[in-house]
Protein backbone atom coordinates (compact mmCIF):
# COMPACT_ATOMS: atom_id res chain seq x y z
CA UNK A 1 18.47 148.74 140.34
CA UNK A 2 20.33 151.13 138.55
CA UNK A 3 23.10 153.19 140.78
CA UNK A 4 24.59 156.22 139.29
CA UNK A 5 28.45 155.71 139.24
CA UNK A 6 28.87 159.97 138.87
CA UNK A 7 27.06 163.39 139.91
CA UNK A 8 25.17 164.59 137.53
CA UNK A 9 26.26 167.58 135.98
CA UNK A 10 23.13 169.40 135.34
CA UNK A 11 21.49 171.83 137.45
CA UNK A 12 21.50 171.85 140.69
CA UNK A 13 18.51 169.59 142.15
CA UNK A 14 15.96 171.34 144.50
CA UNK A 15 14.37 169.19 146.96
CA UNK A 16 10.87 169.52 147.10
CA UNK A 17 9.09 172.03 149.41
CA UNK A 18 6.09 169.60 149.84
CA UNK A 19 8.35 166.74 151.36
CA UNK A 20 7.94 165.22 154.38
CA UNK A 21 11.01 165.69 156.51
CA UNK A 22 12.20 162.31 158.58
CA UNK A 23 14.30 163.04 161.11
CA UNK A 24 17.98 161.81 159.93
CA UNK A 25 21.80 161.65 161.22
CA UNK A 26 24.02 163.83 159.87
CA UNK A 27 25.04 163.18 156.30
CA UNK A 28 28.80 162.22 157.33
CA UNK A 29 27.34 159.63 159.77
CA UNK A 30 24.92 158.24 157.24
CA UNK A 31 27.49 158.17 154.67
CA UNK A 32 29.66 156.22 156.80
CA UNK A 33 26.40 153.91 157.81
CA UNK A 34 25.62 153.38 154.31
CA UNK A 35 28.93 153.00 153.13
CA UNK A 36 29.85 149.87 155.80
CA UNK A 37 26.33 148.41 154.80
CA UNK A 38 27.42 148.53 150.86
CA UNK A 39 31.01 147.44 152.02
CA UNK A 40 29.31 144.23 153.64
CA UNK A 41 26.74 143.36 151.57
CA UNK A 42 29.17 143.72 148.20
CA UNK A 43 26.60 145.64 146.33
CA UNK A 44 27.82 148.48 145.06
CA UNK A 45 31.05 149.64 143.68
CA UNK A 46 33.00 152.59 144.93
CA UNK A 47 32.55 154.77 142.41
CA UNK A 48 28.37 153.95 142.54
CA UNK A 49 28.84 154.51 146.36
CA UNK A 50 30.24 158.00 146.13
CA UNK A 51 27.63 159.21 143.49
CA UNK A 52 25.05 158.02 145.55
CA UNK A 53 26.59 159.83 148.75
CA UNK A 54 26.58 162.95 146.74
CA UNK A 55 23.19 162.78 145.50
CA UNK A 56 21.71 162.07 149.07
CA UNK A 57 23.89 165.15 150.25
CA UNK A 58 22.01 167.28 147.50
CA UNK A 59 18.51 166.18 149.28
CA UNK A 60 19.38 164.63 152.58
CA UNK A 61 16.11 165.91 154.21
CA UNK A 62 13.93 165.26 151.11
CA UNK A 63 13.02 161.41 151.45
CA UNK A 64 9.20 160.63 153.19
CA UNK A 65 9.57 158.67 156.23
CA UNK A 66 8.75 155.42 154.44
CA UNK A 67 10.12 153.54 157.22
CA UNK A 68 7.29 154.32 159.37
CA UNK A 69 3.53 153.57 159.28
CA UNK A 70 1.56 153.89 156.88
CA UNK A 71 4.18 152.57 154.68
CA UNK A 72 6.25 150.23 157.00
CA UNK A 73 8.48 149.76 153.92
CA UNK A 74 10.88 147.52 155.27
CA UNK A 75 7.87 145.15 156.68
CA UNK A 76 7.76 141.76 155.40
CA UNK A 77 4.38 142.17 153.92
CA UNK A 78 4.46 142.62 150.69
CA UNK A 79 2.22 142.41 147.48
CA UNK A 80 4.54 142.75 144.67
CA UNK A 81 4.88 140.26 141.50
CA UNK A 82 8.57 138.92 143.26
CA UNK A 83 6.84 138.46 146.36
CA UNK A 84 4.35 136.20 144.98
CA UNK A 85 6.67 134.34 142.63
CA UNK A 86 8.36 133.31 146.18
CA UNK A 87 5.21 132.18 147.54
CA UNK A 88 4.60 129.99 144.72
CA UNK A 89 8.36 128.71 144.52
CA UNK A 90 7.83 127.79 148.43
CA UNK A 91 4.87 125.91 148.05
CA UNK A 92 6.28 123.74 145.20
CA UNK A 93 3.77 125.12 142.59
CA UNK A 94 6.63 126.14 140.18
CA UNK A 95 9.82 125.41 139.55
CA UNK A 96 12.71 127.93 137.82
CA UNK A 97 15.08 125.88 135.42
CA UNK A 98 18.72 126.83 135.23
CA UNK A 99 20.27 127.60 132.06
CA UNK A 100 23.47 125.83 131.63
CA UNK A 101 23.99 125.96 127.83
CA UNK A 102 23.89 129.58 127.60
CA UNK A 103 25.51 130.28 130.79
CA UNK A 104 22.33 132.61 131.68
CA UNK A 105 21.27 130.92 134.60
CA UNK A 106 17.93 131.66 135.98
CA UNK A 107 17.78 134.70 134.00
CA UNK A 108 15.22 132.45 130.82
CA UNK A 109 13.12 131.01 133.46
CA UNK A 110 12.36 134.02 135.33
CA UNK A 111 11.37 135.88 132.38
CA UNK A 112 9.08 133.13 131.14
CA UNK A 113 7.63 132.71 134.56
CA UNK A 114 6.77 136.84 135.00
CA UNK A 115 5.72 137.08 131.42
CA UNK A 116 8.68 139.27 130.06
CA UNK A 117 9.51 139.49 126.54
CA UNK A 118 13.26 138.86 126.14
CA UNK A 119 12.18 141.39 123.40
CA UNK A 120 11.91 143.94 125.66
CA UNK A 121 15.85 143.78 126.10
CA UNK A 122 17.60 146.98 126.89
CA UNK A 123 21.55 146.84 126.50
CA UNK A 124 23.67 149.25 129.03
CA UNK A 125 27.29 149.43 128.55
CA UNK A 126 27.91 152.53 131.21
CA UNK A 127 29.10 151.40 134.31
CA UNK A 128 26.17 152.60 136.05
CA UNK A 129 24.78 149.35 138.57
CA UNK A 130 26.13 147.30 141.04
CA UNK A 131 27.64 145.27 138.83
CA UNK A 132 30.05 147.83 137.48
CA UNK A 133 33.09 146.16 137.29
CA UNK A 134 32.14 143.48 134.89
CA UNK A 135 30.18 146.01 132.61
CA UNK A 136 31.88 147.29 129.63
CA UNK A 137 30.77 148.25 126.15
CA UNK A 138 31.98 144.56 124.97
CA UNK A 139 29.89 143.16 128.43
CA UNK A 140 27.02 145.47 128.57
CA UNK A 141 24.24 144.72 131.41
CA UNK A 142 20.96 143.73 129.65
CA UNK A 143 17.42 145.00 130.90
CA UNK A 144 14.32 143.38 130.62
CA UNK A 145 10.59 144.64 131.83
CA UNK A 146 7.03 144.15 131.87
CA UNK A 147 4.39 146.89 133.61
CA UNK A 148 5.64 145.86 136.89
CA UNK A 149 9.08 144.09 136.90
CA UNK A 150 12.48 145.03 136.01
CA UNK A 151 14.99 142.47 135.64
CA UNK A 152 18.70 143.19 135.19
CA UNK A 153 21.24 140.69 134.03
CA UNK A 154 25.09 140.86 133.48
CA UNK A 155 27.15 137.77 131.82
CA UNK A 156 29.62 136.96 134.27
CA UNK A 157 27.47 138.66 137.50
CA UNK A 158 26.80 136.53 140.37
CA UNK A 159 23.24 137.73 141.05
CA UNK A 160 20.24 138.95 138.92
CA UNK A 161 18.89 142.23 139.78
CA UNK A 162 15.55 142.86 140.32
CA UNK A 163 13.05 145.86 141.12
CA UNK A 164 9.36 144.90 141.38
CA UNK A 165 6.42 147.49 141.69
CA UNK A 166 4.48 147.12 145.41
CA UNK A 167 1.16 149.19 144.66
CA UNK A 168 1.59 150.48 148.26
CA UNK A 169 5.11 150.45 148.83
CA UNK A 170 6.57 151.59 145.72
CA UNK A 171 9.57 149.93 144.08
CA UNK A 172 11.27 146.94 146.02
CA UNK A 173 14.87 145.71 145.28
CA UNK A 174 15.82 142.32 145.19
CA UNK A 175 19.05 139.73 143.85
CA UNK A 176 18.80 136.00 142.94
CA UNK A 177 21.68 133.99 142.97
CA UNK A 178 22.96 132.65 139.59
CA UNK A 179 24.31 129.56 141.93
CA UNK A 180 22.45 126.53 140.83
CA UNK A 181 23.44 124.93 143.78
CA UNK A 182 21.42 127.44 146.15
CA UNK A 183 17.97 127.13 146.96
CA UNK A 184 16.22 129.89 144.46
CA UNK A 185 15.13 132.69 146.83
CA UNK A 186 14.74 136.16 146.41
CA UNK A 187 17.00 138.12 148.52
CA UNK A 188 15.39 141.78 149.64
CA UNK A 189 18.06 144.89 148.89
CA UNK A 190 17.28 147.77 150.93
CA UNK A 191 20.75 149.09 150.20
CA UNK A 192 19.34 150.25 146.80
CA UNK A 193 17.39 153.02 148.77
CA UNK A 194 20.53 155.35 148.51
CA UNK A 195 19.98 155.85 144.96
CA UNK A 196 16.28 154.79 144.26
CA UNK A 197 15.05 157.09 146.90
CA UNK A 198 16.78 160.13 146.00
CA UNK A 199 15.26 163.43 144.64
CA UNK A 200 15.95 161.80 141.41
CA UNK A 201 13.37 159.34 142.10
CA UNK A 202 11.18 161.74 143.45
CA UNK A 203 12.19 161.07 147.04
CA UNK A 204 10.45 157.72 147.02
CA UNK A 205 11.49 154.00 146.17
CA UNK A 206 11.10 154.34 142.85
CA UNK A 207 12.87 153.57 139.47
CA UNK A 208 15.83 155.33 137.49
CA UNK A 209 16.41 155.90 134.00
CA UNK A 210 19.59 157.55 133.09
CA UNK A 211 21.81 158.78 130.41
CA UNK A 212 25.60 159.28 130.66
CA UNK A 213 28.04 159.68 128.28
CA UNK A 214 31.03 157.37 128.68
CA UNK A 215 34.58 157.12 127.91
CA UNK A 216 35.53 154.37 125.90
CA UNK A 217 35.65 151.53 128.76
CA UNK A 218 32.06 152.62 130.02
CA UNK A 219 32.80 154.76 132.48
CA UNK A 220 30.31 157.49 132.71
CA UNK A 221 32.16 161.14 132.44
CA UNK A 222 28.47 163.40 132.02
CA UNK A 223 24.78 163.36 131.62
CA UNK A 224 21.45 163.28 133.24
CA UNK A 225 20.12 161.64 136.26
CA UNK A 226 16.63 161.33 135.25
CA UNK A 227 14.94 160.17 131.93
CA UNK A 228 11.29 160.09 130.96
CA UNK A 229 9.47 160.54 127.95
CA UNK A 230 9.30 164.37 128.23
CA UNK A 231 13.35 164.56 127.87
CA UNK A 232 14.48 166.10 124.50
CA UNK A 233 16.06 163.32 122.43
CA UNK A 234 19.17 164.51 122.06
CA UNK A 235 19.29 163.54 125.45
CA UNK A 236 18.58 160.38 125.90
CA UNK A 237 20.61 157.12 125.61
CA UNK A 238 23.69 158.05 126.77
CA UNK A 239 25.61 154.61 127.86
CA UNK A 240 22.81 152.41 126.00
CA UNK A 241 23.11 150.39 122.66
CA UNK A 242 20.31 151.22 120.54
CA UNK A 243 19.18 149.29 117.63
CA UNK A 244 16.49 149.85 115.33
CA UNK A 245 15.53 152.39 112.77
CA UNK A 246 15.15 156.03 114.36
CA UNK A 247 16.37 158.13 111.10
CA UNK A 248 18.15 161.10 111.37
CA UNK A 249 16.55 161.18 115.53
CA UNK A 250 19.39 162.95 117.45
CA UNK A 251 20.69 161.24 120.58
CA UNK A 252 23.33 159.94 122.41
CA UNK A 253 23.31 156.26 122.15
CA UNK A 254 25.89 153.71 120.66
CA UNK A 255 28.71 155.86 121.30
CA UNK A 256 30.88 152.75 123.09
CA UNK A 257 34.27 153.74 121.40
CA UNK A 258 36.69 156.37 120.79
CA UNK A 259 35.97 157.00 116.98
CA UNK A 260 32.20 156.99 117.91
CA UNK A 261 33.36 159.66 120.81
CA UNK A 262 35.64 161.81 118.78
CA UNK A 263 32.50 162.10 116.34
CA UNK A 264 29.90 162.78 118.40
CA UNK A 265 31.77 165.66 119.95
CA UNK A 266 32.61 167.08 116.28
CA UNK A 267 28.89 167.34 115.48
CA UNK A 268 26.16 167.05 118.78
CA UNK A 269 23.75 168.25 116.89
CA UNK A 270 23.79 165.64 113.92
CA UNK A 271 21.78 162.36 113.69
CA UNK A 272 22.52 159.72 116.39
CA UNK A 273 24.57 156.77 115.43
CA UNK A 274 23.52 153.61 114.20
CA UNK A 275 25.20 150.25 115.71
CA UNK A 276 26.04 146.74 113.99
CA UNK A 277 25.81 145.34 117.63
CA UNK A 278 26.98 141.83 116.94
CA UNK A 279 30.52 143.31 116.31
CA UNK A 280 30.74 145.23 119.56
CA UNK A 281 29.65 142.36 121.90
CA UNK A 282 29.07 138.55 121.63
CA UNK A 283 25.71 138.25 121.26
CA UNK A 284 25.45 134.69 122.46
CA UNK A 285 25.79 135.67 125.84
CA UNK A 286 22.35 137.18 125.74
CA UNK A 287 18.42 135.91 124.74
CA UNK A 288 18.46 138.31 121.56
CA UNK A 289 21.21 140.39 119.47
CA UNK A 290 19.32 143.79 119.97
CA UNK A 291 18.64 146.75 122.43
CA UNK A 292 15.21 147.85 120.70
CA UNK A 293 14.33 151.40 120.28
CA UNK A 294 10.72 151.18 121.06
CA UNK A 295 11.51 149.00 124.42
CA UNK A 296 13.67 151.99 125.01
CA UNK A 297 10.76 154.86 124.43
CA UNK A 298 8.12 152.78 126.81
CA UNK A 299 10.70 152.30 129.39
CA UNK A 300 11.39 155.69 130.09
CA UNK A 301 7.86 156.33 130.14
CA UNK A 302 6.96 153.92 132.07
CA UNK A 303 9.55 154.04 134.94
CA UNK A 304 8.89 157.69 135.86
CA UNK A 305 5.01 157.19 135.60
CA UNK A 306 5.59 154.34 138.35
CA UNK A 307 7.47 156.84 140.27
CA UNK A 308 4.57 159.78 140.00
CA UNK A 309 1.98 157.25 141.51
CA UNK A 310 4.23 156.16 144.21
CA UNK A 311 4.81 160.05 145.14
CA UNK A 312 1.17 160.53 145.07
CA UNK A 313 0.15 157.72 146.99
CA UNK A 314 2.82 158.80 149.62
CA UNK A 315 1.82 162.47 150.08
CA UNK A 316 -1.63 161.10 150.17
CA UNK A 317 -1.14 158.28 153.19
CA UNK A 318 1.14 160.98 155.03
CA UNK A 319 -1.67 163.55 155.20
CA UNK A 320 -4.86 161.76 155.06
CA UNK A 321 -6.53 165.01 157.35
CA UNK A 322 -5.58 166.97 154.29
CA UNK A 323 -6.65 167.07 150.59
CA UNK A 324 -3.89 165.87 148.41
CA UNK A 325 -1.45 167.96 147.06
CA UNK A 326 -2.93 169.59 144.04
CA UNK A 327 0.57 169.97 142.03
CA UNK A 328 1.48 166.33 142.26
CA UNK A 329 -1.73 165.33 140.97
CA UNK A 330 -1.80 167.78 137.89
CA UNK A 331 2.08 166.46 137.53
CA UNK A 332 0.59 162.98 137.33
CA UNK A 333 -2.12 163.86 135.01
CA UNK A 334 -0.10 165.87 132.78
CA UNK A 335 2.39 162.50 132.38
CA UNK A 336 -0.18 160.30 131.85
CA UNK A 337 -1.73 162.22 128.87
CA UNK A 338 1.82 162.99 127.28
CA UNK A 339 1.20 166.41 127.28
CA UNK A 340 4.61 167.41 127.20
CA UNK A 341 6.02 164.46 125.07
CA UNK A 342 8.68 165.81 122.46
CA UNK A 343 7.31 165.24 118.99
CA UNK A 344 9.39 162.66 116.77
CA UNK A 345 11.27 163.99 114.35
CA UNK A 346 11.09 161.34 112.11
CA UNK A 347 9.20 157.39 112.21
CA UNK A 348 10.84 155.25 114.42
CA UNK A 349 10.67 151.34 113.87
CA UNK A 350 11.77 148.59 116.56
CA UNK A 351 14.67 145.77 115.69
CA UNK A 352 12.39 142.76 117.46
CA UNK A 353 8.78 141.82 117.86
CA UNK A 354 8.67 144.00 120.71
CA UNK A 355 6.13 146.51 119.05
CA UNK A 356 3.57 143.58 118.60
CA UNK A 357 3.85 141.73 121.81
CA UNK A 358 3.41 144.58 124.10
CA UNK A 359 0.01 145.75 121.81
CA UNK A 360 -1.29 142.58 122.23
CA UNK A 361 -1.24 142.72 125.84
CA UNK A 362 -4.14 145.04 125.93
CA UNK A 363 -6.73 145.52 126.73
CA UNK A 364 -8.75 146.03 123.59
CA UNK A 365 -12.21 147.50 123.06
CA UNK A 366 -14.99 146.11 120.43
CA UNK A 367 -13.06 148.28 117.68
CA UNK A 368 -9.60 146.41 118.24
CA UNK A 369 -8.58 149.97 120.01
CA UNK A 370 -6.06 149.95 122.95
CA UNK A 371 -3.86 152.34 124.80
CA UNK A 372 -1.27 150.31 123.58
CA UNK A 373 -1.16 150.92 120.13
CA UNK A 374 1.86 152.99 119.06
CA UNK A 375 1.70 155.55 116.71
CA UNK A 376 5.94 156.02 116.11
CA UNK A 377 5.20 158.43 113.48
CA UNK A 378 5.14 161.68 115.53
CA UNK A 379 4.81 160.45 118.83
CA UNK A 380 5.02 156.87 121.04
CA UNK A 381 1.52 155.72 121.54
CA UNK A 382 -1.59 156.37 119.24
CA UNK A 383 -4.13 157.53 121.73
CA UNK A 384 -2.24 159.68 124.57
CA UNK A 385 -3.27 158.19 127.92
CA UNK A 386 -0.93 156.02 129.64
CA UNK A 387 -1.53 152.23 130.01
CA UNK A 388 -0.52 152.66 133.73
CA UNK A 389 -4.21 153.33 134.54
CA UNK A 390 -4.53 149.79 134.31
CA UNK A 391 -2.41 148.68 136.70
CA UNK A 392 -2.57 147.65 140.38
CA UNK A 393 -0.56 150.95 141.51
CA UNK A 394 -2.82 152.83 139.81
CA UNK A 395 -5.90 150.63 141.03
CA UNK A 396 -4.92 150.54 144.34
CA UNK A 397 -4.56 154.47 145.00
CA UNK A 398 -6.71 155.71 147.64
CA UNK A 399 -9.89 156.31 146.35
CA UNK A 400 -10.35 159.61 147.42
CA UNK A 401 -7.06 160.06 144.98
CA UNK A 402 -8.19 158.20 142.15
CA UNK A 403 -11.58 160.00 141.64
CA UNK A 404 -9.63 163.38 141.51
CA UNK A 405 -7.37 161.84 138.72
CA UNK A 406 -10.52 160.70 137.12
CA UNK A 407 -12.39 163.67 137.53
CA UNK A 408 -9.46 165.80 136.21
CA UNK A 409 -8.51 163.25 133.26
CA UNK A 410 -12.55 163.50 132.48
CA UNK A 411 -12.74 167.16 132.84
CA UNK A 412 -9.92 167.46 129.80
CA UNK A 413 -10.93 164.50 127.46
CA UNK A 414 -14.39 165.82 127.40
CA UNK A 415 -13.60 169.44 126.77
CA UNK A 416 -14.45 171.22 123.69
CA UNK A 417 -11.49 173.36 123.98
CA UNK A 418 -8.74 171.94 126.61
CA UNK A 419 -6.19 174.57 127.67
CA UNK A 420 -2.88 173.87 127.11
CA UNK A 421 -0.75 171.95 127.32
CA UNK A 422 -3.57 169.61 126.54
CA UNK A 423 -4.64 171.20 123.44
CA UNK A 424 -2.58 169.32 121.28
CA UNK A 425 -5.31 166.06 121.93
CA UNK A 426 -7.38 166.38 118.76
CA UNK A 427 -11.43 166.30 119.44
CA UNK A 428 -11.17 162.73 117.86
CA UNK A 429 -8.04 161.54 119.99
CA UNK A 430 -9.91 162.69 122.82
CA UNK A 431 -13.19 160.97 122.04
CA UNK A 432 -11.68 158.24 120.92
CA UNK A 433 -9.48 157.56 124.26
CA UNK A 434 -12.92 158.44 126.55
CA UNK A 435 -14.31 155.20 124.84
CA UNK A 436 -11.64 152.86 125.02
CA UNK A 437 -11.70 153.95 128.82
CA UNK A 438 -15.40 153.01 129.23
CA UNK A 439 -15.06 149.71 127.61
CA UNK A 440 -11.55 148.38 129.02
CA UNK A 441 -11.32 149.84 132.82
CA UNK A 442 -13.41 148.52 135.13
CA UNK A 443 -14.47 150.65 138.61
CA UNK A 444 -14.99 153.69 136.92
CA UNK A 445 -16.90 156.65 138.68
CA UNK A 446 -20.19 157.45 137.23
CA UNK A 447 -19.42 160.50 135.61
CA UNK A 448 -17.18 158.67 132.95
CA UNK A 449 -19.22 158.30 129.98
CA UNK A 450 -18.12 157.44 126.44
């Protein structure tokens, strides 16, 4: 649940002309209402609230009317992993143990119950979340994730932050109190939508990855409000620590001291900085002493992919009498095929076992191939079709939409000479992708033949 603490300085955002407009109060009225709600909930710092208001102003009429049918976003009917976990807790089928030894509270048990690897940890020292007051370069926020859930942890914070993907509604937000004397109950946090349904999340309840340069205290100064796998590497990872071997790859990570910032300003085009993390933070406060570069790369791909899936679903749900919007479908197809992914300028190697853990998730075909196999020499994945096609968010798309996506994917992957930007997929790679999908993806249309 990442709230921007400063307005974006990139060019003015344009609201989508395809969006359905929900009647709303004037911006000033909504600012006052949201401000009161956040102050009452105690969730957002005043800095984060101001930035979200500015972003809301930029696209005040953009969001879908997701409060209404057919989405009914605020209804209690949810099908996300956190809601399912709460049901198991209520029935007494599982329990979450509380960690007092390392003072991480429910974090280890929650990650284990959700099947999230601690090696997915990414450390953010930019003050761009609800716990901004206690986040700093010495006490960064840790993020963990799998295919469907994102967990935020700040040492000393009163709660864990959680974002969970509902296939129908999109991102759903929760907190979990870190007090051991309270019942284990995930509290739904609707105020997060002030930022997380903005234009930067494609105007649907979604996820945000930002890159902000900060001062030496972690206060963001300038940056970018939407980071995806299409973003140039030189613009990524501002406000993050980055560990691993990434050679001379340019980036904005690890700039957490005044000396780092001065060096960056003198040579913005130079290689990104490395970091001796245990010298910057108290590593004992975290499950692992890393902020793995490979986890960062996967995270940037996945979050925007989820937002695109939600966007396409919403457009169909609100236009059932019309064809799905072609440009949105094409945006999704292009993204799933990594058509605009910039090449890695040198090989990348993670600092933990995250790569091995992620690859083992599969599924694998009879030859052992998987869409989760990494390349990390010139690109992120060896076979460039996103593993998101295995997720519930993709599987539960309306059938007409899913069929259109599969048809478009098939036409590209089976073409003798696909047009740009898909022409960078070689014939052997396209054939391998077709074969992997045919063996590992259920519920394929009849025309999908390897």
